[in-house]
Protein backbone atom coordinates (compact mmCIF):
# COMPACT_ATOMS: atom_id res chain seq x y z
CA MET A 1 2.70 -11.81 8.02
CA VAL A 2 3.96 -8.35 7.05
CA PRO A 3 2.78 -8.53 3.40
CA TYR A 4 -0.71 -9.49 4.54
CA ILE A 5 -0.86 -6.58 6.97
CA LEU A 6 0.29 -4.16 4.26
CA THR A 7 -2.20 -5.57 1.74
CA VAL A 8 -5.12 -5.16 4.13
CA LEU A 9 -3.94 -1.63 4.94
CA CYS A 10 -3.71 -0.76 1.23
CA ILE A 11 -7.16 -2.13 0.43
CA GLY A 12 -8.63 -0.26 3.39
CA VAL A 13 -7.04 3.03 2.35
CA ALA A 14 -8.15 2.68 -1.27
CA PHE A 15 -11.67 1.67 -0.24
CA THR A 16 -12.03 4.63 2.13
CA ILE A 17 -10.75 7.24 -0.32
CA HIS A 18 -12.80 5.90 -3.23
CA TRP A 19 -15.90 5.62 -1.04
CA PHE A 20 -15.77 9.32 -0.09
CA ALA A 21 -14.85 10.52 -3.61
CA PRO A 22 -17.03 8.46 -5.98
CA LYS A 23 -17.25 11.10 -8.73
CA ALA A 24 -13.53 11.87 -9.06
CA TYR A 25 -12.22 8.40 -9.94
CA TRP A 26 -8.71 9.29 -11.15
CA LYS A 27 -8.15 11.92 -8.48
CA ALA A 28 -9.15 9.41 -5.81
CA THR A 29 -6.93 6.79 -7.44
CA LEU A 30 -3.86 9.04 -7.43
CA MET A 31 -4.56 10.25 -3.90
CA SER A 32 -4.96 6.74 -2.55
CA THR A 33 -1.82 5.63 -4.40
CA ALA A 34 0.15 8.40 -2.68
CA VAL A 35 -1.29 7.55 0.73
CA ILE A 36 -0.62 3.84 0.19
CA LEU A 37 2.97 4.62 -0.76
CA LEU A 38 3.53 6.74 2.34
CA PHE A 39 1.87 4.20 4.65
CA SER A 40 3.79 1.30 3.14
CA ILE A 41 7.21 2.92 3.37
CA ALA A 42 6.48 4.09 6.92
CA ALA A 43 5.24 0.62 7.86
CA LEU A 44 8.38 -0.93 6.42
CA PHE A 45 10.56 1.17 8.72
CA ILE A 46 8.23 0.56 11.69
CA PHE A 47 8.32 -3.20 11.12
CA LYS A 48 12.10 -3.07 10.78
CA ALA A 49 12.45 -1.13 14.04
CA SER A 50 10.11 -3.49 15.90
CA GLY A 51 12.03 -6.58 14.80
CA MET A 52 9.29 -8.13 12.68
CA LEU A 53 11.59 -8.35 9.66
CA VAL A 54 14.35 -10.35 11.37
CA SER A 55 15.51 -13.26 9.21
CA GLU A 56 14.82 -16.69 10.63
CA HIS A 57 18.01 -18.10 9.12
CA THR A 58 20.57 -15.42 10.00
CA GLY A 59 18.86 -13.57 12.86
CA LYS A 60 19.77 -10.19 11.34
CA ASN A 61 17.68 -7.17 10.50
CA PRO A 62 17.63 -6.41 6.75
CA ASP A 63 19.36 -3.30 5.45
CA PHE A 64 17.16 -2.16 2.58
CA SER A 65 18.43 1.43 2.38
CA ALA A 66 20.28 0.70 -0.87
CA GLU A 67 17.14 -0.83 -2.38
CA LEU A 68 14.78 1.97 -1.32
CA PRO A 69 14.28 3.43 -4.85
CA THR A 70 13.30 0.00 -6.17
CA ILE A 71 11.01 -0.62 -3.20
CA THR A 72 9.41 2.79 -3.71
CA LEU A 73 8.81 2.13 -7.41
CA LEU A 74 7.30 -1.30 -6.75
CA MET A 75 5.11 -0.01 -3.92
CA THR A 76 3.87 2.82 -6.16
CA PHE A 77 2.91 0.32 -8.85
CA PHE A 78 1.26 -1.97 -6.29
CA GLY A 79 -0.62 0.95 -4.73
CA PHE A 80 -1.80 2.13 -8.13
CA LEU A 81 -3.09 -1.33 -9.05
CA ILE A 82 -4.89 -1.73 -5.74
CA SER A 83 -6.43 1.75 -6.12
CA VAL A 84 -7.60 1.13 -9.68
CA PHE A 85 -9.17 -2.24 -8.88
CA VAL A 86 -10.82 -1.16 -5.63
CA GLY A 87 -12.14 2.02 -7.28
CA TRP A 88 -13.47 0.06 -10.24
CA PHE A 89 -15.10 -2.46 -7.91
CA LEU A 90 -16.83 0.31 -5.96
CA GLN A 91 -18.05 1.94 -9.18
CA VAL A 92 -19.57 -1.34 -10.36
CA VAL A 93 -21.18 -2.04 -6.99
CA ARG A 94 -22.62 1.47 -6.66
CA ARG A 95 -24.22 1.40 -10.12
CA LYS A 96 -26.67 -1.31 -9.11
C-alpha cells in the first residue's frame, strides 16, 4: 500500500509543478525531483512512526537508518524519472 501512495504523491507533485511551469521544462523537472525526494523521505518516516511499515512475519518496525543514503539515491532517481515522464507527457498534450 505504501508504494502506491508514494507513487500517486510523486505523480501529483510532478504534474502540479510542470503544469504551472510549462516553459521551463528542466527547471520544473529538477524542482519537482527535489520536492518528490523531500516528500518521499518524510513520508517514509511518517509511515514508520504510524506503524504502516510493520513486518507481517516478524511484527517489528524496520530500521532503515543505515540504508538511508541508498534510499535517498534511489528515490532521487525515481523522482527524476517520474518528473521527466510527466513533464514530457504534459508537453505533448499541451501541443495539440
